[in-house]
Amino acid sequence: MKQVFFSLLMLAGSLVSAQEIELFNGEDLTGWTVYGTEKWYVEGGLLVCESGPDKGYGYLATNEHYKDFELTLEFQQEADGNSGVFVRSTVDGTKVSGWQVEVAPPGHDTGGVYESYGRGWLIKPEGKPDVKMGEWNTLKIRMAGDTLTSWLNGVEMVTLTDEKIGAGEGSIALQIHDGGGIRVKWRNIQLSLPQ
């Protein structure tokens, strides 16, 4: 019983000492940099990404780099919602180095982890609930050393331990896939950092 109490006390202490950061202020793109020619803008307090005339890849990346954290955000897909959230990533033009937690239409592995310009798919969720198209969905990503865990609407999707991810450095970046016809809304982008 004492051990359980001590564990709960430690957990509560870690939650209290975490630093909370609102990455999106609901008004503009302060704190972020746009890469590529696709559209990123604020409308009605929401962050919106949509395909531009070039129909290419586009990224919106934090100016700050984050290593270990818990990221929670909400997204709503309209039309084709092929997107993603990159972690510990760097962007050069529209070439990204890092790891993407997939955000995609139903049946396309939301919550799975893809390594761009590297090993490709590292893990896909299997037998898990899918995205609710046209509704708000909640994605949570926890980065802790070598381990990445993702949740979709409160359900754990994947856990992956990988030395290469553990060595990664970089920003958090939202993606818009190439091909055109994509539109995704984002809100409540919140980051919790260990103290």
N, C-alpha and C. Protein backbone atom coordinates (compact mmCIF):
# COMPACT_ATOMS: atom_id res chain seq x y z
N MET A 1 0.82 -1.20 0.00
CA MET A 1 0.00 0.00 0.00
C MET A 1 0.87 1.26 0.00
N LYS A 2 1.95 1.24 0.80
CA LYS A 2 2.84 2.39 0.85
C LYS A 2 3.48 2.64 -0.51
N GLN A 3 3.82 1.56 -1.22
CA GLN A 3 4.45 1.70 -2.53
C GLN A 3 3.50 2.34 -3.53
N VAL A 4 2.23 1.94 -3.50
CA VAL A 4 1.22 2.52 -4.39
C VAL A 4 1.05 4.01 -4.09
N PHE A 5 0.96 4.33 -2.80
CA PHE A 5 0.81 5.73 -2.39
C PHE A 5 2.01 6.56 -2.85
N PHE A 6 3.21 6.01 -2.66
CA PHE A 6 4.43 6.72 -3.07
C PHE A 6 4.43 6.95 -4.58
N SER A 7 4.03 5.93 -5.36
CA SER A 7 3.98 6.06 -6.82
C SER A 7 2.99 7.15 -7.23
N LEU A 8 1.83 7.17 -6.60
CA LEU A 8 0.83 8.20 -6.92
C LEU A 8 1.34 9.59 -6.54
N LEU A 9 2.05 9.67 -5.42
CA LEU A 9 2.61 10.95 -4.99
C LEU A 9 3.65 11.45 -5.98
N MET A 10 4.49 10.55 -6.48
CA MET A 10 5.50 10.92 -7.46
C MET A 10 4.84 11.39 -8.77
N LEU A 11 3.80 10.66 -9.20
CA LEU A 11 3.08 11.03 -10.41
C LEU A 11 2.45 12.41 -10.27
N ALA A 12 1.81 12.64 -9.13
CA ALA A 12 1.19 13.95 -8.88
C ALA A 12 2.24 15.05 -8.88
N GLY A 13 3.39 14.78 -8.30
CA GLY A 13 4.47 15.75 -8.27
C GLY A 13 4.98 16.08 -9.65
N SER A 14 5.08 15.06 -10.51
CA SER A 14 5.56 15.29 -11.87
C SER A 14 4.54 16.09 -12.67
N LEU A 15 3.25 15.86 -12.42
CA LEU A 15 2.23 16.61 -13.14
C LEU A 15 2.22 18.07 -12.71
N VAL A 16 2.39 18.31 -11.42
CA VAL A 16 2.39 19.67 -10.91
C VAL A 16 3.59 20.44 -11.44
N SER A 17 4.73 19.75 -11.56
CA SER A 17 5.95 20.45 -11.94
C SER A 17 6.11 20.61 -13.45
N ALA A 18 5.19 20.06 -14.23
CA ALA A 18 5.31 20.18 -15.68
C ALA A 18 5.04 21.62 -16.12
N GLN A 19 5.76 22.04 -17.16
CA GLN A 19 5.55 23.37 -17.73
C GLN A 19 4.56 23.26 -18.88
N GLU A 20 3.48 24.02 -18.81
CA GLU A 20 2.43 23.98 -19.84
C GLU A 20 2.62 25.13 -20.82
N ILE A 21 2.59 24.82 -22.11
CA ILE A 21 2.77 25.83 -23.15
C ILE A 21 1.64 25.72 -24.17
N GLU A 22 0.99 26.83 -24.47
CA GLU A 22 -0.02 26.90 -25.53
C GLU A 22 0.72 27.24 -26.81
N LEU A 23 0.87 26.28 -27.73
CA LEU A 23 1.67 26.52 -28.93
C LEU A 23 0.95 27.38 -29.96
N PHE A 24 -0.39 27.36 -29.95
CA PHE A 24 -1.17 28.15 -30.90
C PHE A 24 -2.04 29.12 -30.13
N ASN A 25 -1.90 30.42 -30.41
CA ASN A 25 -2.59 31.44 -29.62
C ASN A 25 -4.01 31.76 -30.11
N GLY A 26 -4.45 31.12 -31.19
CA GLY A 26 -5.81 31.34 -31.68
C GLY A 26 -5.99 32.61 -32.49
N GLU A 27 -4.89 33.37 -32.68
CA GLU A 27 -4.99 34.65 -33.39
C GLU A 27 -4.10 34.73 -34.63
N ASP A 28 -2.85 34.21 -34.51
CA ASP A 28 -1.93 34.29 -35.64
C ASP A 28 -0.90 33.16 -35.52
N LEU A 29 0.12 33.20 -36.37
CA LEU A 29 1.10 32.11 -36.42
C LEU A 29 2.38 32.45 -35.64
N THR A 30 2.26 33.30 -34.64
CA THR A 30 3.41 33.62 -33.80
C THR A 30 4.01 32.35 -33.21
N GLY A 31 5.35 32.23 -33.34
CA GLY A 31 6.04 31.06 -32.80
C GLY A 31 6.20 29.93 -33.80
N TRP A 32 5.68 30.12 -35.01
CA TRP A 32 5.72 29.09 -36.05
C TRP A 32 6.35 29.66 -37.32
N THR A 33 6.89 28.76 -38.16
CA THR A 33 7.41 29.13 -39.47
C THR A 33 6.76 28.26 -40.53
N VAL A 34 6.32 28.89 -41.63
CA VAL A 34 5.71 28.16 -42.75
C VAL A 34 6.80 27.73 -43.72
N TYR A 35 6.74 26.47 -44.15
CA TYR A 35 7.66 25.94 -45.16
C TYR A 35 6.83 25.46 -46.34
N GLY A 36 7.18 25.90 -47.55
CA GLY A 36 6.43 25.54 -48.74
C GLY A 36 5.40 26.58 -49.09
N THR A 37 4.61 26.31 -50.12
CA THR A 37 3.65 27.28 -50.64
C THR A 37 2.20 26.92 -50.30
N GLU A 38 2.00 25.87 -49.52
CA GLU A 38 0.63 25.52 -49.14
C GLU A 38 0.12 26.53 -48.11
N LYS A 39 -1.17 26.56 -47.88
CA LYS A 39 -1.80 27.63 -47.09
C LYS A 39 -1.92 27.24 -45.61
N TRP A 40 -1.46 28.15 -44.76
CA TRP A 40 -1.63 28.04 -43.30
C TRP A 40 -2.16 29.39 -42.82
N TYR A 41 -3.32 29.39 -42.17
CA TYR A 41 -3.90 30.65 -41.72
C TYR A 41 -4.83 30.41 -40.54
N VAL A 42 -5.23 31.51 -39.90
CA VAL A 42 -6.14 31.44 -38.75
C VAL A 42 -7.51 31.96 -39.18
N GLU A 43 -8.54 31.19 -38.84
CA GLU A 43 -9.91 31.55 -39.20
C GLU A 43 -10.83 31.18 -38.04
N GLY A 44 -11.47 32.19 -37.48
CA GLY A 44 -12.40 31.93 -36.37
C GLY A 44 -11.74 31.28 -35.17
N GLY A 45 -10.49 31.65 -34.89
CA GLY A 45 -9.77 31.08 -33.76
C GLY A 45 -9.18 29.71 -34.01
N LEU A 46 -9.34 29.19 -35.23
CA LEU A 46 -8.81 27.88 -35.59
C LEU A 46 -7.62 28.03 -36.53
N LEU A 47 -6.68 27.11 -36.43
CA LEU A 47 -5.56 27.03 -37.37
C LEU A 47 -6.01 26.15 -38.53
N VAL A 48 -5.89 26.65 -39.75
CA VAL A 48 -6.36 25.92 -40.93
C VAL A 48 -5.19 25.68 -41.87
N CYS A 49 -5.07 24.46 -42.39
CA CYS A 49 -4.13 24.20 -43.48
C CYS A 49 -4.92 23.66 -44.66
N GLU A 50 -4.54 24.12 -45.84
CA GLU A 50 -5.18 23.60 -47.05
C GLU A 50 -4.22 23.68 -48.22
N SER A 51 -4.49 22.84 -49.19
CA SER A 51 -3.63 22.79 -50.37
C SER A 51 -3.66 24.10 -51.12
N GLY A 52 -2.49 24.47 -51.63
CA GLY A 52 -2.37 25.66 -52.47
C GLY A 52 -2.29 25.26 -53.94
N PRO A 53 -2.03 26.22 -54.81
CA PRO A 53 -1.99 25.93 -56.25
C PRO A 53 -0.88 24.96 -56.65
N ASP A 54 0.20 24.89 -55.87
CA ASP A 54 1.31 23.98 -56.21
C ASP A 54 1.01 22.53 -55.85
N LYS A 55 0.03 22.32 -54.96
CA LYS A 55 -0.37 20.97 -54.54
C LYS A 55 0.84 20.16 -54.05
N GLY A 56 1.72 20.83 -53.31
CA GLY A 56 2.93 20.17 -52.82
C GLY A 56 2.86 19.90 -51.34
N TYR A 57 3.99 19.44 -50.79
CA TYR A 57 4.10 19.28 -49.35
C TYR A 57 4.25 20.65 -48.71
N GLY A 58 3.71 20.79 -47.51
CA GLY A 58 3.88 22.01 -46.75
C GLY A 58 3.97 21.68 -45.27
N TYR A 59 4.66 22.56 -44.53
CA TYR A 59 4.86 22.33 -43.10
C TYR A 59 4.71 23.64 -42.34
N LEU A 60 4.21 23.53 -41.13
CA LEU A 60 4.18 24.63 -40.19
C LEU A 60 4.91 24.14 -38.94
N ALA A 61 6.10 24.68 -38.70
CA ALA A 61 6.98 24.16 -37.65
C ALA A 61 7.19 25.18 -36.54
N THR A 62 7.29 24.68 -35.33
CA THR A 62 7.59 25.56 -34.20
C THR A 62 9.00 26.12 -34.36
N ASN A 63 9.18 27.36 -33.94
CA ASN A 63 10.51 27.96 -33.98
C ASN A 63 11.42 27.34 -32.92
N GLU A 64 10.82 26.86 -31.85
CA GLU A 64 11.58 26.23 -30.78
C GLU A 64 11.71 24.73 -31.02
N HIS A 65 12.79 24.16 -30.52
CA HIS A 65 12.98 22.71 -30.56
C HIS A 65 12.55 22.11 -29.23
N TYR A 66 11.94 20.92 -29.30
CA TYR A 66 11.46 20.25 -28.10
C TYR A 66 11.89 18.79 -28.14
N LYS A 67 12.40 18.30 -27.02
CA LYS A 67 12.94 16.93 -26.95
C LYS A 67 11.92 15.98 -26.29
N ASP A 68 11.75 16.11 -24.99
CA ASP A 68 10.80 15.28 -24.26
C ASP A 68 9.58 16.13 -23.92
N PHE A 69 8.39 15.60 -24.20
CA PHE A 69 7.18 16.39 -24.00
C PHE A 69 5.96 15.50 -24.15
N GLU A 70 4.82 16.08 -23.79
CA GLU A 70 3.52 15.50 -24.12
C GLU A 70 2.74 16.56 -24.87
N LEU A 71 2.38 16.26 -26.09
CA LEU A 71 1.65 17.18 -26.97
C LEU A 71 0.22 16.69 -27.12
N THR A 72 -0.73 17.59 -26.91
CA THR A 72 -2.14 17.27 -27.12
C THR A 72 -2.72 18.32 -28.06
N LEU A 73 -3.44 17.87 -29.07
CA LEU A 73 -4.09 18.80 -29.99
C LEU A 73 -5.37 18.17 -30.52
N GLU A 74 -6.22 19.03 -31.06
CA GLU A 74 -7.45 18.56 -31.70
C GLU A 74 -7.38 18.90 -33.18
N PHE A 75 -7.91 17.99 -34.01
CA PHE A 75 -7.95 18.24 -35.45
C PHE A 75 -9.29 17.79 -36.02
N GLN A 76 -9.68 18.46 -37.09
CA GLN A 76 -10.91 18.10 -37.81
C GLN A 76 -10.58 18.07 -39.30
N GLN A 77 -10.88 16.98 -39.93
CA GLN A 77 -10.56 16.82 -41.35
C GLN A 77 -11.75 17.18 -42.22
N GLU A 78 -11.46 17.96 -43.26
CA GLU A 78 -12.44 18.28 -44.27
C GLU A 78 -11.84 17.87 -45.61
N ALA A 79 -12.66 17.36 -46.50
CA ALA A 79 -12.16 16.83 -47.77
C ALA A 79 -11.13 15.75 -47.45
N ASP A 80 -10.03 15.71 -48.17
CA ASP A 80 -8.96 14.76 -47.88
C ASP A 80 -8.15 15.33 -46.73
N GLY A 81 -8.01 14.58 -45.65
CA GLY A 81 -7.31 15.10 -44.48
C GLY A 81 -5.92 14.54 -44.29
N ASN A 82 -5.22 14.22 -45.37
CA ASN A 82 -3.91 13.59 -45.22
C ASN A 82 -2.90 14.62 -44.69
N SER A 83 -2.51 14.42 -43.44
CA SER A 83 -1.64 15.35 -42.76
C SER A 83 -0.79 14.57 -41.76
N GLY A 84 -0.25 15.27 -40.77
CA GLY A 84 0.54 14.60 -39.77
C GLY A 84 1.19 15.58 -38.83
N VAL A 85 1.76 15.03 -37.74
CA VAL A 85 2.48 15.82 -36.75
C VAL A 85 3.89 15.26 -36.65
N PHE A 86 4.88 16.07 -37.03
CA PHE A 86 6.27 15.65 -36.94
C PHE A 86 6.85 16.04 -35.59
N VAL A 87 7.73 15.18 -35.08
CA VAL A 87 8.40 15.43 -33.80
C VAL A 87 9.90 15.34 -34.00
N ARG A 88 10.63 16.12 -33.19
CA ARG A 88 12.10 16.14 -33.26
C ARG A 88 12.57 16.24 -34.71
N SER A 89 12.01 17.19 -35.43
CA SER A 89 12.19 17.26 -36.88
C SER A 89 12.82 18.58 -37.31
N THR A 90 13.47 18.55 -38.46
CA THR A 90 13.99 19.75 -39.10
C THR A 90 13.46 19.79 -40.53
N VAL A 91 13.27 21.01 -41.04
CA VAL A 91 12.72 21.19 -42.39
C VAL A 91 13.69 22.03 -43.20
N ASP A 92 13.97 21.59 -44.42
CA ASP A 92 14.81 22.33 -45.36
C ASP A 92 14.01 22.46 -46.65
N GLY A 93 13.47 23.65 -46.90
CA GLY A 93 12.56 23.81 -48.04
C GLY A 93 11.27 23.08 -47.73
N THR A 94 11.01 22.00 -48.44
CA THR A 94 9.87 21.13 -48.10
C THR A 94 10.34 19.70 -47.85
N LYS A 95 11.63 19.54 -47.57
CA LYS A 95 12.16 18.23 -47.21
C LYS A 95 12.32 18.18 -45.70
N VAL A 96 11.63 17.25 -45.08
CA VAL A 96 11.62 17.15 -43.63
C VAL A 96 12.42 15.93 -43.20
N SER A 97 13.19 16.10 -42.14
CA SER A 97 13.90 14.98 -41.51
C SER A 97 13.30 14.78 -40.13
N GLY A 98 12.81 13.58 -39.87
CA GLY A 98 12.21 13.32 -38.57
C GLY A 98 11.11 12.28 -38.64
N TRP A 99 10.24 12.33 -37.65
CA TRP A 99 9.24 11.27 -37.48
C TRP A 99 7.85 11.88 -37.44
N GLN A 100 6.97 11.29 -38.24
CA GLN A 100 5.61 11.78 -38.37
C GLN A 100 4.65 10.83 -37.66
N VAL A 101 3.82 11.41 -36.79
CA VAL A 101 2.67 10.68 -36.28
C VAL A 101 1.54 11.00 -37.25
N GLU A 102 1.07 9.98 -37.94
CA GLU A 102 0.13 10.14 -39.05
C GLU A 102 -1.21 10.71 -38.60
N VAL A 103 -1.73 11.63 -39.41
CA VAL A 103 -3.10 12.14 -39.31
C VAL A 103 -3.68 11.98 -40.70
N ALA A 104 -4.68 11.11 -40.84
CA ALA A 104 -5.16 10.77 -42.19
C ALA A 104 -6.63 10.35 -42.13
N PRO A 105 -7.28 10.26 -43.29
CA PRO A 105 -8.67 9.81 -43.32
C PRO A 105 -8.81 8.39 -42.78
N PRO A 106 -10.03 7.97 -42.47
CA PRO A 106 -10.26 6.61 -41.95
C PRO A 106 -9.60 5.54 -42.84
N GLY A 107 -8.99 4.55 -42.19
CA GLY A 107 -8.35 3.46 -42.90
C GLY A 107 -6.92 3.71 -43.31
N HIS A 108 -6.36 4.86 -42.87
CA HIS A 108 -5.01 5.21 -43.31
C HIS A 108 -4.04 5.47 -42.15
N ASP A 109 -4.18 4.69 -41.08
CA ASP A 109 -3.15 4.55 -40.03
C ASP A 109 -2.88 5.79 -39.19
N THR A 110 -3.90 6.58 -38.88
CA THR A 110 -3.71 7.69 -37.95
C THR A 110 -3.15 7.17 -36.63
N GLY A 111 -2.12 7.86 -36.14
CA GLY A 111 -1.46 7.45 -34.90
C GLY A 111 -0.23 6.61 -35.12
N GLY A 112 -0.05 6.09 -36.35
CA GLY A 112 1.15 5.34 -36.68
C GLY A 112 2.34 6.27 -36.87
N VAL A 113 3.54 5.70 -36.94
CA VAL A 113 4.76 6.50 -37.01
C VAL A 113 5.50 6.20 -38.32
N TYR A 114 5.79 7.27 -39.06
CA TYR A 114 6.47 7.19 -40.36
C TYR A 114 7.73 8.03 -40.32
N GLU A 115 8.83 7.47 -40.80
CA GLU A 115 10.10 8.20 -40.87
C GLU A 115 10.31 8.68 -42.30
N SER A 116 10.17 10.00 -42.51
CA SER A 116 10.33 10.56 -43.85
C SER A 116 11.79 10.55 -44.29
N TYR A 117 12.01 10.27 -45.57
CA TYR A 117 13.35 10.21 -46.16
C TYR A 117 14.26 9.29 -45.36
N GLY A 118 13.68 8.19 -44.86
CA GLY A 118 14.44 7.24 -44.06
C GLY A 118 13.86 5.85 -44.21
N ARG A 119 13.44 5.28 -43.11
CA ARG A 119 12.99 3.89 -43.09
C ARG A 119 11.53 3.69 -43.44
N GLY A 120 10.80 4.78 -43.68
CA GLY A 120 9.38 4.65 -44.01
C GLY A 120 8.56 4.32 -42.77
N TRP A 121 7.54 3.49 -42.93
CA TRP A 121 6.68 3.13 -41.80
C TRP A 121 7.48 2.36 -40.76
N LEU A 122 7.42 2.84 -39.51
CA LEU A 122 8.06 2.14 -38.41
C LEU A 122 7.07 1.31 -37.62
N ILE A 123 5.84 1.81 -37.52
CA ILE A 123 4.78 1.06 -36.82
C ILE A 123 3.43 1.63 -37.24
N LYS A 124 2.46 0.74 -37.43
CA LYS A 124 1.09 1.14 -37.74
C LYS A 124 0.16 0.60 -36.66
N PRO A 125 -0.90 1.34 -36.34
CA PRO A 125 -1.86 0.81 -35.37
C PRO A 125 -2.66 -0.33 -36.00
N GLU A 126 -2.97 -1.32 -35.20
CA GLU A 126 -3.75 -2.45 -35.70
C GLU A 126 -4.93 -2.70 -34.77
N GLY A 127 -6.11 -2.83 -35.37
CA GLY A 127 -7.32 -3.13 -34.60
C GLY A 127 -7.73 -2.03 -33.65
N LYS A 128 -7.45 -0.79 -34.00
CA LYS A 128 -7.77 0.35 -33.13
C LYS A 128 -8.89 1.19 -33.74
N PRO A 129 -9.60 1.96 -32.90
CA PRO A 129 -10.63 2.86 -33.44
C PRO A 129 -10.01 3.86 -34.41
N ASP A 130 -10.82 4.31 -35.36
CA ASP A 130 -10.30 5.18 -36.41
C ASP A 130 -10.72 6.63 -36.20
N VAL A 131 -10.21 7.48 -37.06
CA VAL A 131 -10.55 8.90 -37.07
C VAL A 131 -12.05 9.07 -37.32
N LYS A 132 -12.63 10.08 -36.69
CA LYS A 132 -14.02 10.46 -36.96
C LYS A 132 -13.98 11.59 -37.98
N MET A 133 -14.25 11.27 -39.22
CA MET A 133 -14.17 12.25 -40.31
C MET A 133 -15.21 13.35 -40.11
N GLY A 134 -14.78 14.61 -40.28
CA GLY A 134 -15.69 15.73 -40.15
C GLY A 134 -16.01 16.12 -38.73
N GLU A 135 -15.43 15.41 -37.73
CA GLU A 135 -15.63 15.73 -36.32
C GLU A 135 -14.28 16.07 -35.69
N TRP A 136 -14.32 16.66 -34.51
CA TRP A 136 -13.08 16.93 -33.80
C TRP A 136 -12.53 15.66 -33.19
N ASN A 137 -11.25 15.43 -33.42
CA ASN A 137 -10.51 14.28 -32.87
C ASN A 137 -9.38 14.82 -32.00
N THR A 138 -9.02 14.08 -30.97
CA THR A 138 -7.92 14.47 -30.10
C THR A 138 -6.74 13.52 -30.29
N LEU A 139 -5.59 14.10 -30.60
CA LEU A 139 -4.35 13.34 -30.75
C LEU A 139 -3.41 13.73 -29.61
N LYS A 140 -2.83 12.72 -28.98
CA LYS A 140 -1.82 12.97 -27.94
C LYS A 140 -0.56 12.20 -28.31
N ILE A 141 0.58 12.88 -28.16
CA ILE A 141 1.88 12.27 -28.44
C ILE A 141 2.78 12.49 -27.24
N ARG A 142 3.36 11.41 -26.74
CA ARG A 142 4.33 11.53 -25.65
C ARG A 142 5.70 11.11 -26.15
N MET A 143 6.67 12.00 -25.97
CA MET A 143 8.07 11.72 -26.30
C MET A 143 8.86 11.65 -25.00
N ALA A 144 9.47 10.49 -24.74
CA ALA A 144 10.24 10.30 -23.52
C ALA A 144 11.47 9.48 -23.86
N GLY A 145 12.60 10.16 -24.05
CA GLY A 145 13.83 9.46 -24.42
C GLY A 145 13.68 8.77 -25.76
N ASP A 146 13.87 7.45 -25.77
CA ASP A 146 13.77 6.66 -27.00
C ASP A 146 12.34 6.25 -27.35
N THR A 147 11.37 6.59 -26.50
CA THR A 147 10.02 6.05 -26.65
C THR A 147 9.01 7.10 -27.09
N LEU A 148 8.24 6.75 -28.13
CA LEU A 148 7.14 7.57 -28.64
C LEU A 148 5.85 6.79 -28.44
N THR A 149 4.86 7.42 -27.84
CA THR A 149 3.54 6.82 -27.67
C THR A 149 2.49 7.77 -28.22
N SER A 150 1.52 7.24 -28.94
CA SER A 150 0.44 8.08 -29.48
C SER A 150 -0.92 7.56 -29.03
N TRP A 151 -1.85 8.51 -28.86
CA TRP A 151 -3.24 8.19 -28.53
C TRP A 151 -4.15 8.93 -29.49
N LEU A 152 -5.25 8.32 -29.87
CA LEU A 152 -6.29 8.96 -30.67
C LEU A 152 -7.60 8.85 -29.91
N ASN A 153 -8.18 9.99 -29.58
CA ASN A 153 -9.44 10.04 -28.84
C ASN A 153 -9.41 9.17 -27.58
N GLY A 154 -8.27 9.25 -26.87
CA GLY A 154 -8.14 8.55 -25.60
C GLY A 154 -7.70 7.10 -25.68
N VAL A 155 -7.54 6.57 -26.90
CA VAL A 155 -7.13 5.17 -27.08
C VAL A 155 -5.66 5.14 -27.50
N GLU A 156 -4.84 4.37 -26.78
CA GLU A 156 -3.44 4.24 -27.16
C GLU A 156 -3.35 3.54 -28.52
N MET A 157 -2.65 4.18 -29.46
CA MET A 157 -2.55 3.65 -30.82
C MET A 157 -1.28 2.84 -31.01
N VAL A 158 -0.12 3.43 -30.65
CA VAL A 158 1.16 2.72 -30.79
C VAL A 158 2.11 3.17 -29.68
N THR A 159 3.05 2.29 -29.37
CA THR A 159 4.21 2.64 -28.55
C THR A 159 5.42 2.09 -29.28
N LEU A 160 6.42 2.95 -29.49
CA LEU A 160 7.61 2.56 -30.24
C LEU A 160 8.84 3.04 -29.49
N THR A 161 9.78 2.12 -29.28
CA THR A 161 11.07 2.48 -28.70
C THR A 161 12.13 2.32 -29.77
N ASP A 162 12.88 3.40 -30.02
CA ASP A 162 13.80 3.41 -31.16
C ASP A 162 14.97 4.34 -30.85
N GLU A 163 16.19 3.84 -30.95
CA GLU A 163 17.37 4.63 -30.60
C GLU A 163 17.53 5.85 -31.51
N LYS A 164 17.19 5.71 -32.79
CA LYS A 164 17.33 6.83 -33.73
C LYS A 164 16.40 7.97 -33.35
N ILE A 165 15.16 7.64 -32.97
CA ILE A 165 14.23 8.67 -32.51
C ILE A 165 14.78 9.31 -31.24
N GLY A 166 15.32 8.50 -30.35
CA GLY A 166 15.88 9.00 -29.11
C GLY A 166 16.99 10.01 -29.33
N ALA A 167 17.75 9.84 -30.40
CA ALA A 167 18.86 10.76 -30.70
C ALA A 167 18.41 11.99 -31.48
N GLY A 168 17.14 12.00 -31.91
CA GLY A 168 16.65 13.10 -32.75
C GLY A 168 16.55 14.42 -32.01
N GLU A 169 16.70 15.50 -32.77
CA GLU A 169 16.58 16.86 -32.25
C GLU A 169 15.77 17.67 -33.26
N GLY A 170 14.90 18.55 -32.76
CA GLY A 170 14.19 19.41 -33.69
C GLY A 170 12.87 19.92 -33.17
N SER A 171 12.08 20.42 -34.09
CA SER A 171 10.82 21.09 -33.75
C SER A 171 9.63 20.15 -33.90
N ILE A 172 8.49 20.67 -33.52
CA ILE A 172 7.20 20.03 -33.80
C ILE A 172 6.66 20.68 -35.06
N ALA A 173 6.22 19.88 -36.02
CA ALA A 173 5.76 20.44 -37.30
C ALA A 173 4.47 19.76 -37.74
N LEU A 174 3.51 20.56 -38.14
CA LEU A 174 2.28 20.05 -38.76
C LEU A 174 2.53 19.95 -40.26
N GLN A 175 1.96 18.91 -40.87
CA GLN A 175 2.21 18.68 -42.29
C GLN A 175 0.92 18.78 -43.10
N ILE A 176 1.06 19.23 -44.34
CA ILE A 176 0.00 19.04 -45.33
C ILE A 176 0.62 18.23 -46.46
N HIS A 177 -0.04 17.13 -46.81
CA HIS A 177 0.49 16.20 -47.81
C HIS A 177 0.36 16.79 -49.21
N ASP A 178 1.15 16.27 -50.13
CA ASP A 178 1.03 16.73 -51.51
C ASP A 178 -0.19 16.10 -52.18
N GLY A 179 -0.52 16.55 -53.37
CA GLY A 179 -1.62 15.98 -54.14
C GLY A 179 -2.82 16.87 -54.29
N GLY A 180 -2.93 17.90 -53.43
CA GLY A 180 -4.05 18.83 -53.55
C GLY A 180 -5.32 18.33 -52.88
N GLY A 181 -6.29 19.25 -52.72
CA GLY A 181 -7.60 18.90 -52.19
C GLY A 181 -7.64 18.63 -50.70
N ILE A 182 -6.62 19.05 -49.95
CA ILE A 182 -6.54 18.74 -48.52
C ILE A 182 -6.92 19.96 -47.70
N ARG A 183 -7.67 19.74 -46.64
CA ARG A 183 -8.03 20.81 -45.69
C ARG A 183 -8.21 20.18 -44.32
N VAL A 184 -7.48 20.71 -43.34
CA VAL A 184 -7.55 20.23 -41.96
C VAL A 184 -7.57 21.44 -41.03
N LYS A 185 -8.41 21.38 -40.00
CA LYS A 185 -8.46 22.42 -38.97
C LYS A 185 -7.81 21.88 -37.70
N TRP A 186 -7.16 22.79 -36.96
CA TRP A 186 -6.47 22.43 -35.72
C TRP A 186 -6.86 23.41 -34.63
N ARG A 187 -6.86 22.94 -33.38
CA ARG A 187 -7.10 23.84 -32.24
C ARG A 187 -6.52 23.21 -30.96
N ASN A 188 -6.46 24.03 -29.91
CA ASN A 188 -6.00 23.55 -28.59
C ASN A 188 -4.70 22.78 -28.67
N ILE A 189 -3.68 23.39 -29.24
CA ILE A 189 -2.36 22.74 -29.39
C ILE A 189 -1.56 23.03 -28.14
N GLN A 190 -1.48 22.07 -27.26
CA GLN A 190 -0.90 22.28 -25.93
C GLN A 190 0.26 21.35 -25.70
N LEU A 191 1.31 21.91 -25.12
CA LEU A 191 2.53 21.16 -24.86
C LEU A 191 2.80 21.15 -23.36
N SER A 192 3.16 19.99 -22.87
CA SER A 192 3.56 19.85 -21.47
C SER A 192 4.99 19.37 -21.43
N LEU A 193 5.86 20.14 -20.78
CA LEU A 193 7.28 19.83 -20.70
C LEU A 193 7.64 19.40 -19.28
N PRO A 194 8.44 18.35 -19.13
CA PRO A 194 8.88 17.96 -17.79
C PRO A 194 9.81 19.04 -17.24
N GLN A 195 9.77 19.24 -15.92
CA GLN A 195 10.65 20.23 -15.29
C GLN A 195 11.93 19.57 -14.79
